[in-house]
Amino acid sequence: MLSDLGFLAVVGFATFRLWRLLAVDNVTASSRSRLGSGFLGFLACPWCAGFWLSVIVVLVLWRWGDIEWVQIVTMIFAVSGLVGLLAAWTGSD
């Protein structure tokens, strides 16, 4: 079983990957071209979209996982921060 830090890393990387799939990858380019410019700007921002993707990911884990309520709030902000940092580190920011 993963430690808490290991679990956070896995969830953070998974969320980063989800954001990148939606906002950057070529496989979703045609879908993105149909979105309005305001939403595209939101989606292109890893800090903005990363936060909301983190909310979704953590809530899904909370619903079907074994995570305490206090950890939910912490995980949302930690995962969102990790998504933004990873995006900046990879030049996707």
PDB file of N, CA and C in Angstrom:
ATOM      1  N   MET A   1       0.836  -1.183   0.000  1.00  0.00           N
ATOM      2  CA  MET A   1       0.000   0.000   0.000  1.00  0.00           C
ATOM      3  C   MET A   1       0.882   1.248   0.000  1.00  0.00           C
ATOM      4  N   LEU A   2       0.447   2.285  -0.698  1.00  0.00           N
ATOM      5  CA  LEU A   2       1.206   3.523  -0.788  1.00  0.00           C
ATOM      6  C   LEU A   2       1.110   4.323   0.503  1.00  0.00           C
ATOM      7  N   SER A   3       2.169   5.040   0.815  1.00  0.00           N
ATOM      8  CA  SER A   3       2.117   5.986   1.925  1.00  0.00           C
ATOM      9  C   SER A   3       1.226   7.153   1.504  1.00  0.00           C
ATOM     10  N   ASP A   4       0.890   8.016   2.452  1.00  0.00           N
ATOM     11  CA  ASP A   4       0.074   9.179   2.113  1.00  0.00           C
ATOM     12  C   ASP A   4       0.760  10.053   1.069  1.00  0.00           C
ATOM     13  N   LEU A   5       2.058  10.248   1.213  1.00  0.00           N
ATOM     14  CA  LEU A   5       2.800  11.054   0.259  1.00  0.00           C
ATOM     15  C   LEU A   5       2.850  10.372  -1.112  1.00  0.00           C
ATOM     16  N   GLY A   6       3.018   9.077  -1.132  1.00  0.00           N
ATOM     17  CA  GLY A   6       3.002   8.330  -2.384  1.00  0.00           C
ATOM     18  C   GLY A   6       1.647   8.402  -3.061  1.00  0.00           C
ATOM     19  N   PHE A   7       0.591   8.285  -2.268  1.00  0.00           N
ATOM     20  CA  PHE A   7      -0.764   8.377  -2.801  1.00  0.00           C
ATOM     21  C   PHE A   7      -1.006   9.758  -3.390  1.00  0.00           C
ATOM     22  N   LEU A   8      -0.573  10.802  -2.685  1.00  0.00           N
ATOM     23  CA  LEU A   8      -0.720  12.166  -3.180  1.00  0.00           C
ATOM     24  C   LEU A   8       0.028  12.347  -4.497  1.00  0.00           C
ATOM     25  N   ALA A   9       1.221  11.791  -4.587  1.00  0.00           N
ATOM     26  CA  ALA A   9       1.995  11.889  -5.823  1.00  0.00           C
ATOM     27  C   ALA A   9       1.277  11.208  -6.981  1.00  0.00           C
ATOM     28  N   VAL A  10       0.737  10.036  -6.731  1.00  0.00           N
ATOM     29  CA  VAL A  10       0.015   9.305  -7.781  1.00  0.00           C
ATOM     30  C   VAL A  10      -1.217  10.090  -8.226  1.00  0.00           C
ATOM     31  N   VAL A  11      -1.980  10.590  -7.274  1.00  0.00           N
ATOM     32  CA  VAL A  11      -3.182  11.355  -7.610  1.00  0.00           C
ATOM     33  C   VAL A  11      -2.804  12.651  -8.333  1.00  0.00           C
ATOM     34  N   GLY A  12      -1.732  13.303  -7.879  1.00  0.00           N
ATOM     35  CA  GLY A  12      -1.283  14.533  -8.537  1.00  0.00           C
ATOM     36  C   GLY A  12      -0.848  14.291  -9.969  1.00  0.00           C
ATOM     37  N   PHE A  13      -0.084  13.256 -10.176  1.00  0.00           N
ATOM     38  CA  PHE A  13       0.350  12.948 -11.542  1.00  0.00           C
ATOM     39  C   PHE A  13      -0.827  12.525 -12.415  1.00  0.00           C
ATOM     40  N   ALA A  14      -1.765  11.794 -11.843  1.00  0.00           N
ATOM     41  CA  ALA A  14      -2.952  11.395 -12.607  1.00  0.00           C
ATOM     42  C   ALA A  14      -3.777  12.619 -13.006  1.00  0.00           C
ATOM     43  N   THR A  15      -3.913  13.561 -12.094  1.00  0.00           N
ATOM     44  CA  THR A  15      -4.667  14.777 -12.389  1.00  0.00           C
ATOM     45  C   THR A  15      -3.935  15.632 -13.410  1.00  0.00           C
ATOM     46  N   PHE A  16      -2.622  15.713 -13.282  1.00  0.00           N
ATOM     47  CA  PHE A  16      -1.828  16.434 -14.282  1.00  0.00           C
ATOM     48  C   PHE A  16      -2.054  15.824 -15.662  1.00  0.00           C
ATOM     49  N   ARG A  17      -2.044  14.527 -15.709  1.00  0.00           N
ATOM     50  CA  ARG A  17      -2.218  13.844 -16.998  1.00  0.00           C
ATOM     51  C   ARG A  17      -3.604  14.119 -17.573  1.00  0.00           C
ATOM     52  N   LEU A  18      -4.607  14.120 -16.716  1.00  0.00           N
ATOM     53  CA  LEU A  18      -5.970  14.420 -17.165  1.00  0.00           C
ATOM     54  C   LEU A  18      -6.049  15.841 -17.707  1.00  0.00           C
ATOM     55  N   TRP A  19      -5.441  16.797 -16.988  1.00  0.00           N
ATOM     56  CA  TRP A  19      -5.443  18.182 -17.468  1.00  0.00           C
ATOM     57  C   TRP A  19      -4.729  18.285 -18.812  1.00  0.00           C
ATOM     58  N   ARG A  20      -3.582  17.658 -18.908  1.00  0.00           N
ATOM     59  CA  ARG A  20      -2.813  17.739 -20.147  1.00  0.00           C
ATOM     60  C   ARG A  20      -3.575  17.113 -21.314  1.00  0.00           C
ATOM     61  N   LEU A  21      -4.261  16.016 -21.057  1.00  0.00           N
ATOM     62  CA  LEU A  21      -5.080  15.377 -22.086  1.00  0.00           C
ATOM     63  C   LEU A  21      -6.151  16.340 -22.591  1.00  0.00           C
ATOM     64  N   LEU A  22      -6.792  17.027 -21.681  1.00  0.00           N
ATOM     65  CA  LEU A  22      -7.872  17.939 -22.060  1.00  0.00           C
ATOM     66  C   LEU A  22      -7.371  19.242 -22.675  1.00  0.00           C
ATOM     67  N   ALA A  23      -6.242  19.762 -22.184  1.00  0.00           N
ATOM     68  CA  ALA A  23      -5.820  21.108 -22.556  1.00  0.00           C
ATOM     69  C   ALA A  23      -4.707  21.182 -23.588  1.00  0.00           C
ATOM     70  N   VAL A  24      -3.886  20.154 -23.714  1.00  0.00           N
ATOM     71  CA  VAL A  24      -2.670  20.271 -24.517  1.00  0.00           C
ATOM     72  C   VAL A  24      -2.564  19.211 -25.616  1.00  0.00           C
ATOM     73  N   ASP A  25      -2.881  17.994 -25.310  1.00  0.00           N
ATOM     74  CA  ASP A  25      -2.621  16.888 -26.233  1.00  0.00           C
ATOM     75  C   ASP A  25      -3.353  17.038 -27.562  1.00  0.00           C
ATOM     76  N   ASN A  26      -2.706  16.582 -28.613  1.00  0.00           N
ATOM     77  CA  ASN A  26      -3.283  16.649 -29.957  1.00  0.00           C
ATOM     78  C   ASN A  26      -4.548  15.823 -30.113  1.00  0.00           C
ATOM     79  N   VAL A  27      -4.669  14.759 -29.352  1.00  0.00           N
ATOM     80  CA  VAL A  27      -5.822  13.864 -29.497  1.00  0.00           C
ATOM     81  C   VAL A  27      -7.142  14.580 -29.187  1.00  0.00           C
ATOM     82  N   THR A  28      -7.102  15.638 -28.404  1.00  0.00           N
ATOM     83  CA  THR A  28      -8.326  16.373 -28.074  1.00  0.00           C
ATOM     84  C   THR A  28      -8.391  17.738 -28.765  1.00  0.00           C
ATOM     85  N   ALA A  29      -7.491  17.998 -29.693  1.00  0.00           N
ATOM     86  CA  ALA A  29      -7.437  19.306 -30.361  1.00  0.00           C
ATOM     87  C   ALA A  29      -8.733  19.628 -31.099  1.00  0.00           C
ATOM     88  N   SER A  30      -9.305  18.668 -31.795  1.00  0.00           N
ATOM     89  CA  SER A  30     -10.535  18.946 -32.550  1.00  0.00           C
ATOM     90  C   SER A  30     -11.691  19.265 -31.606  1.00  0.00           C
ATOM     91  N   SER A  31     -11.752  18.591 -30.467  1.00  0.00           N
ATOM     92  CA  SER A  31     -12.800  18.892 -29.480  1.00  0.00           C
ATOM     93  C   SER A  31     -12.601  20.279 -28.889  1.00  0.00           C
ATOM     94  N   ARG A  32     -11.355  20.644 -28.608  1.00  0.00           N
ATOM     95  CA  ARG A  32     -11.071  21.968 -28.055  1.00  0.00           C
ATOM     96  C   ARG A  32     -11.423  23.073 -29.043  1.00  0.00           C
ATOM     97  N   SER A  33     -11.273  22.812 -30.339  1.00  0.00           N
ATOM     98  CA  SER A  33     -11.537  23.851 -31.339  1.00  0.00           C
ATOM     99  C   SER A  33     -13.009  24.245 -31.375  1.00  0.00           C
ATOM    100  N   ARG A  34     -13.881  23.396 -30.855  1.00  0.00           N
ATOM    101  CA  ARG A  34     -15.313  23.692 -30.830  1.00  0.00           C
ATOM    102  C   ARG A  34     -15.740  24.455 -29.581  1.00  0.00           C
ATOM    103  N   LEU A  35     -14.830  24.640 -28.641  1.00  0.00           N
ATOM    104  CA  LEU A  35     -15.156  25.340 -27.400  1.00  0.00           C
ATOM    105  C   LEU A  35     -14.981  26.846 -27.574  1.00  0.00           C
ATOM    106  N   GLY A  36     -15.683  27.609 -26.775  1.00  0.00           N
ATOM    107  CA  GLY A  36     -15.547  29.069 -26.819  1.00  0.00           C
ATOM    108  C   GLY A  36     -14.194  29.517 -26.307  1.00  0.00           C
ATOM    109  N   SER A  37     -13.787  30.719 -26.705  1.00  0.00           N
ATOM    110  CA  SER A  37     -12.461  31.217 -26.332  1.00  0.00           C
ATOM    111  C   SER A  37     -12.323  31.400 -24.828  1.00  0.00           C
ATOM    112  N   GLY A  38     -13.405  31.762 -24.122  1.00  0.00           N
ATOM    113  CA  GLY A  38     -13.345  31.902 -22.671  1.00  0.00           C
ATOM    114  C   GLY A  38     -13.050  30.586 -21.986  1.00  0.00           C
ATOM    115  N   PHE A  39     -13.711  29.535 -22.427  1.00  0.00           N
ATOM    116  CA  PHE A  39     -13.474  28.218 -21.831  1.00  0.00           C
ATOM    117  C   PHE A  39     -12.095  27.688 -22.207  1.00  0.00           C
ATOM    118  N   LEU A  40     -11.659  27.986 -23.416  1.00  0.00           N
ATOM    119  CA  LEU A  40     -10.319  27.561 -23.834  1.00  0.00           C
ATOM    120  C   LEU A  40      -9.251  28.226 -22.976  1.00  0.00           C
ATOM    121  N   GLY A  41      -9.460  29.501 -22.667  1.00  0.00           N
ATOM    122  CA  GLY A  41      -8.526  30.200 -21.790  1.00  0.00           C
ATOM    123  C   GLY A  41      -8.503  29.578 -20.407  1.00  0.00           C
ATOM    124  N   PHE A  42      -9.675  29.216 -19.899  1.00  0.00           N
ATOM    125  CA  PHE A  42      -9.771  28.550 -18.600  1.00  0.00           C
ATOM    126  C   PHE A  42      -9.069  27.195 -18.648  1.00  0.00           C
ATOM    127  N   LEU A  43      -9.336  26.424 -19.669  1.00  0.00           N
ATOM    128  CA  LEU A  43      -8.772  25.078 -19.786  1.00  0.00           C
ATOM    129  C   LEU A  43      -7.261  25.126 -19.963  1.00  0.00           C
ATOM    130  N   ALA A  44      -6.750  26.136 -20.645  1.00  0.00           N
ATOM    131  CA  ALA A  44      -5.314  26.246 -20.880  1.00  0.00           C
ATOM    132  C   ALA A  44      -4.542  26.634 -19.624  1.00  0.00           C
ATOM    133  N   CYS A  45      -5.230  27.132 -18.616  1.00  0.00           N
ATOM    134  CA  CYS A  45      -4.574  27.549 -17.373  1.00  0.00           C
ATOM    135  C   CYS A  45      -4.513  26.364 -16.402  1.00  0.00           C
ATOM    136  N   PRO A  46      -3.320  25.820 -16.139  1.00  0.00           N
ATOM    137  CA  PRO A  46      -3.242  24.662 -15.243  1.00  0.00           C
ATOM    138  C   PRO A  46      -3.652  24.992 -13.816  1.00  0.00           C
ATOM    139  N   TRP A  47      -3.507  26.256 -13.400  1.00  0.00           N
ATOM    140  CA  TRP A  47      -3.921  26.631 -12.051  1.00  0.00           C
ATOM    141  C   TRP A  47      -5.440  26.681 -11.961  1.00  0.00           C
ATOM    142  N   CYS A  48      -6.108  27.144 -13.001  1.00  0.00           N
ATOM    143  CA  CYS A  48      -7.576  27.253 -13.003  1.00  0.00           C
ATOM    144  C   CYS A  48      -8.220  25.884 -13.221  1.00  0.00           C
ATOM    145  N   ALA A  49      -7.949  25.304 -14.362  1.00  0.00           N
ATOM    146  CA  ALA A  49      -8.544  24.008 -14.681  1.00  0.00           C
ATOM    147  C   ALA A  49      -8.018  22.924 -13.747  1.00  0.00           C
ATOM    148  N   GLY A  50      -6.745  23.046 -13.349  1.00  0.00           N
ATOM    149  CA  GLY A  50      -6.161  22.056 -12.439  1.00  0.00           C
ATOM    150  C   GLY A  50      -6.884  21.990 -11.116  1.00  0.00           C
ATOM    151  N   PHE A  51      -7.321  23.157 -10.605  1.00  0.00           N
ATOM    152  CA  PHE A  51      -8.062  23.158  -9.344  1.00  0.00           C
ATOM    153  C   PHE A  51      -9.362  22.375  -9.498  1.00  0.00           C
ATOM    154  N   TRP A  52     -10.129  22.675 -10.542  1.00  0.00           N
ATOM    155  CA  TRP A  52     -11.432  22.021 -10.700  1.00  0.00           C
ATOM    156  C   TRP A  52     -11.292  20.547 -11.064  1.00  0.00           C
ATOM    157  N   LEU A  53     -10.299  20.204 -11.835  1.00  0.00           N
ATOM    158  CA  LEU A  53     -10.036  18.786 -12.095  1.00  0.00           C
ATOM    159  C   LEU A  53      -9.651  18.081 -10.798  1.00  0.00           C
ATOM    160  N   SER A  54      -8.890  18.763  -9.962  1.00  0.00           N
ATOM    161  CA  SER A  54      -8.508  18.195  -8.666  1.00  0.00           C
ATOM    162  C   SER A  54      -9.731  17.970  -7.787  1.00  0.00           C
ATOM    163  N   VAL A  55     -10.658  18.916  -7.809  1.00  0.00           N
ATOM    164  CA  VAL A  55     -11.910  18.746  -7.050  1.00  0.00           C
ATOM    165  C   VAL A  55     -12.623  17.483  -7.508  1.00  0.00           C
ATOM    166  N   ILE A  56     -12.747  17.322  -8.799  1.00  0.00           N
ATOM    167  CA  ILE A  56     -13.444  16.150  -9.340  1.00  0.00           C
ATOM    168  C   ILE A  56     -12.727  14.866  -8.961  1.00  0.00           C
ATOM    169  N   VAL A  57     -11.411  14.824  -9.168  1.00  0.00           N
ATOM    170  CA  VAL A  57     -10.635  13.615  -8.875  1.00  0.00           C
ATOM    171  C   VAL A  57     -10.726  13.250  -7.397  1.00  0.00           C
ATOM    172  N   VAL A  58     -10.524  14.234  -6.544  1.00  0.00           N
ATOM    173  CA  VAL A  58     -10.544  13.958  -5.104  1.00  0.00           C
ATOM    174  C   VAL A  58     -11.941  13.552  -4.646  1.00  0.00           C
ATOM    175  N   LEU A  59     -12.984  14.199  -5.171  1.00  0.00           N
ATOM    176  CA  LEU A  59     -14.339  13.809  -4.782  1.00  0.00           C
ATOM    177  C   LEU A  59     -14.692  12.400  -5.253  1.00  0.00           C
ATOM    178  N   VAL A  60     -14.224  12.036  -6.415  1.00  0.00           N
ATOM    179  CA  VAL A  60     -14.430  10.655  -6.880  1.00  0.00           C
ATOM    180  C   VAL A  60     -13.726   9.677  -5.946  1.00  0.00           C
ATOM    181  N   LEU A  61     -12.486  10.004  -5.574  1.00  0.00           N
ATOM    182  CA  LEU A  61     -11.760   9.145  -4.636  1.00  0.00           C
ATOM    183  C   LEU A  61     -12.450   9.112  -3.279  1.00  0.00           C
ATOM    184  N   TRP A  62     -12.995  10.235  -2.868  1.00  0.00           N
ATOM    185  CA  TRP A  62     -13.697  10.295  -1.586  1.00  0.00           C
ATOM    186  C   TRP A  62     -14.953   9.435  -1.611  1.00  0.00           C
ATOM    187  N   ARG A  63     -15.669   9.504  -2.729  1.00  0.00           N
ATOM    188  CA  ARG A  63     -16.922   8.744  -2.840  1.00  0.00           C
ATOM    189  C   ARG A  63     -16.669   7.241  -2.876  1.00  0.00           C
ATOM    190  N   TRP A  64     -15.644   6.850  -3.602  1.00  0.00           N
ATOM    191  CA  TRP A  64     -15.398   5.427  -3.770  1.00  0.00           C
ATOM    192  C   TRP A  64     -14.122   4.955  -3.094  1.00  0.00           C
ATOM    193  N   GLY A  65     -13.489   5.795  -2.337  1.00  0.00           N
ATOM    194  CA  GLY A  65     -12.271   5.431  -1.628  1.00  0.00           C
ATOM    195  C   GLY A  65     -12.483   5.566  -0.127  1.00  0.00           C
ATOM    196  N   ASP A  66     -11.424   5.451   0.622  1.00  0.00           N
ATOM    197  CA  ASP A  66     -11.506   5.545   2.074  1.00  0.00           C
ATOM    198  C   ASP A  66     -10.664   6.737   2.546  1.00  0.00           C
ATOM    199  N   ILE A  67     -11.210   7.947   2.324  1.00  0.00           N
ATOM    200  CA  ILE A  67     -10.507   9.175   2.665  1.00  0.00           C
ATOM    201  C   ILE A  67     -11.360   9.954   3.663  1.00  0.00           C
ATOM    202  N   GLU A  68     -10.760  10.436   4.754  1.00  0.00           N
ATOM    203  CA  GLU A  68     -11.462  11.226   5.758  1.00  0.00           C
ATOM    204  C   GLU A  68     -11.813  12.609   5.194  1.00  0.00           C
ATOM    205  N   TRP A  69     -12.882  13.232   5.744  1.00  0.00           N
ATOM    206  CA  TRP A  69     -13.345  14.529   5.262  1.00  0.00           C
ATOM    207  C   TRP A  69     -12.267  15.602   5.349  1.00  0.00           C
ATOM    208  N   VAL A  70     -11.533  15.639   6.422  1.00  0.00           N
ATOM    209  CA  VAL A  70     -10.490  16.652   6.586  1.00  0.00           C
ATOM    210  C   VAL A  70      -9.424  16.497   5.506  1.00  0.00           C
ATOM    211  N   GLN A  71      -9.133  15.299   5.134  1.00  0.00           N
ATOM    212  CA  GLN A  71      -8.136  15.059   4.091  1.00  0.00           C
ATOM    213  C   GLN A  71      -8.630  15.515   2.725  1.00  0.00           C
ATOM    214  N   ILE A  72      -9.946  15.573   2.533  1.00  0.00           N
ATOM    215  CA  ILE A  72     -10.501  15.993   1.249  1.00  0.00           C
ATOM    216  C   ILE A  72     -10.052  17.412   0.909  1.00  0.00           C
ATOM    217  N   VAL A  73     -10.245  18.328   1.845  1.00  0.00           N
ATOM    218  CA  VAL A  73      -9.878  19.720   1.591  1.00  0.00           C
ATOM    219  C   VAL A  73      -8.376  19.831   1.345  1.00  0.00           C
ATOM    220  N   THR A  74      -7.597  19.160   2.147  1.00  0.00           N
ATOM    221  CA  THR A  74      -6.147  19.178   1.990  1.00  0.00           C
ATOM    222  C   THR A  74      -5.741  18.596   0.641  1.00  0.00           C
ATOM    223  N   MET A  75      -6.338  17.494   0.287  1.00  0.00           N
ATOM    224  CA  MET A  75      -6.001  16.846  -0.980  1.00  0.00           C
ATOM    225  C   MET A  75      -6.361  17.723  -2.179  1.00  0.00           C
ATOM    226  N   ILE A  76      -7.508  18.403  -2.120  1.00  0.00           N
ATOM    227  CA  ILE A  76      -7.926  19.249  -3.240  1.00  0.00           C
ATOM    228  C   ILE A  76      -6.873  20.324  -3.505  1.00  0.00           C
ATOM    229  N   PHE A  77      -6.457  21.009  -2.469  1.00  0.00           N
ATOM    230  CA  PHE A  77      -5.470  22.069  -2.662  1.00  0.00           C
ATOM    231  C   PHE A  77      -4.089  21.513  -3.006  1.00  0.00           C
ATOM    232  N   ALA A  78      -3.710  20.422  -2.385  1.00  0.00           N
ATOM    233  CA  ALA A  78      -2.392  19.839  -2.669  1.00  0.00           C
ATOM    234  C   ALA A  78      -2.316  19.306  -4.098  1.00  0.00           C
ATOM    235  N   VAL A  79      -3.335  18.606  -4.511  1.00  0.00           N
ATOM    236  CA  VAL A  79      -3.338  18.061  -5.870  1.00  0.00           C
ATOM    237  C   VAL A  79      -3.403  19.190  -6.889  1.00  0.00           C
ATOM    238  N   SER A  80      -4.211  20.211  -6.627  1.00  0.00           N
ATOM    239  CA  SER A  80      -4.293  21.345  -7.534  1.00  0.00           C
ATOM    240  C   SER A  80      -2.940  22.044  -7.651  1.00  0.00           C
ATOM    241  N   GLY A  81      -2.268  22.230  -6.524  1.00  0.00           N
ATOM    242  CA  GLY A  81      -0.942  22.846  -6.552  1.00  0.00           C
ATOM    243  C   GLY A  81       0.057  22.013  -7.319  1.00  0.00           C
ATOM    244  N   LEU A  82      -0.001  20.716  -7.124  1.00  0.00           N
ATOM    245  CA  LEU A  82       0.914  19.820  -7.823  1.00  0.00           C
ATOM    246  C   LEU A  82       0.680  19.868  -9.328  1.00  0.00           C
ATOM    247  N   VAL A  83      -0.586  19.944  -9.741  1.00  0.00           N
ATOM    248  CA  VAL A  83      -0.899  20.047 -11.169  1.00  0.00           C
ATOM    249  C   VAL A  83      -0.278  21.315 -11.754  1.00  0.00           C
ATOM    250  N   GLY A  84      -0.445  22.441 -11.087  1.00  0.00           N
ATOM    251  CA  GLY A  84       0.121  23.693 -11.580  1.00  0.00           C
ATOM    252  C   GLY A  84       1.638  23.677 -11.625  1.00  0.00           C
ATOM    253  N   LEU A  85       2.255  23.129 -10.570  1.00  0.00           N
ATOM    254  CA  LEU A  85       3.713  23.055 -10.542  1.00  0.00           C
ATOM    255  C   LEU A  85       4.250  22.146 -11.640  1.00  0.00           C
ATOM    256  N   LEU A  86       3.602  21.032 -11.831  1.00  0.00           N
ATOM    257  CA  LEU A  86       4.034  20.120 -12.894  1.00  0.00           C
ATOM    258  C   LEU A  86       3.860  20.758 -14.267  1.00  0.00           C
ATOM    259  N   ALA A  87       2.790  21.510 -14.442  1.00  0.00           N
ATOM    260  CA  ALA A  87       2.577  22.182 -15.717  1.00  0.00           C
ATOM    261  C   ALA A  87       3.677  23.208 -15.973  1.00  0.00           C
ATOM    262  N   ALA A  88       4.016  23.975 -14.956  1.00  0.00           N
ATOM    263  CA  ALA A  88       5.085  24.965 -15.103  1.00  0.00           C
ATOM    264  C   ALA A  88       6.424  24.278 -15.361  1.00  0.00           C
ATOM    265  N   TRP A  89       6.665  23.195 -14.668  1.00  0.00           N
ATOM    266  CA  TRP A  89       7.920  22.461 -14.807  1.00  0.00           C
ATOM    267  C   TRP A  89       8.082  21.875 -16.210  1.00  0.00           C
ATOM    268  N   THR A  90       6.958  21.435 -16.797  1.00  0.00           N
ATOM    269  CA  THR A  90       7.019  20.843 -18.128  1.00  0.00           C
ATOM    270  C   THR A  90       6.855  21.863 -19.242  1.00  0.00           C
ATOM    271  N   GLY A  91       6.684  23.135 -18.886  1.00  0.00           N
ATOM    272  CA  GLY A  91       6.533  24.158 -19.900  1.00  0.00           C
ATOM    273  C   GLY A  91       5.133  24.265 -20.456  1.00  0.00           C
ATOM    274  N   SER A  92       4.153  23.663 -19.818  1.00  0.00           N
ATOM    275  CA  SER A  92       2.769  23.724 -20.277  1.00  0.00           C
ATOM    276  C   SER A  92       2.036  24.915 -19.689  1.00  0.00           C
ATOM    277  N   ASP A  93       2.679  25.664 -18.831  1.00  0.00           N
ATOM    278  CA  ASP A  93       2.066  26.782 -18.105  1.00  0.00           C
ATOM    279  C   ASP A  93       1.877  27.983 -18.981  1.00  0.00           C
TER     280      ASP A  93
END
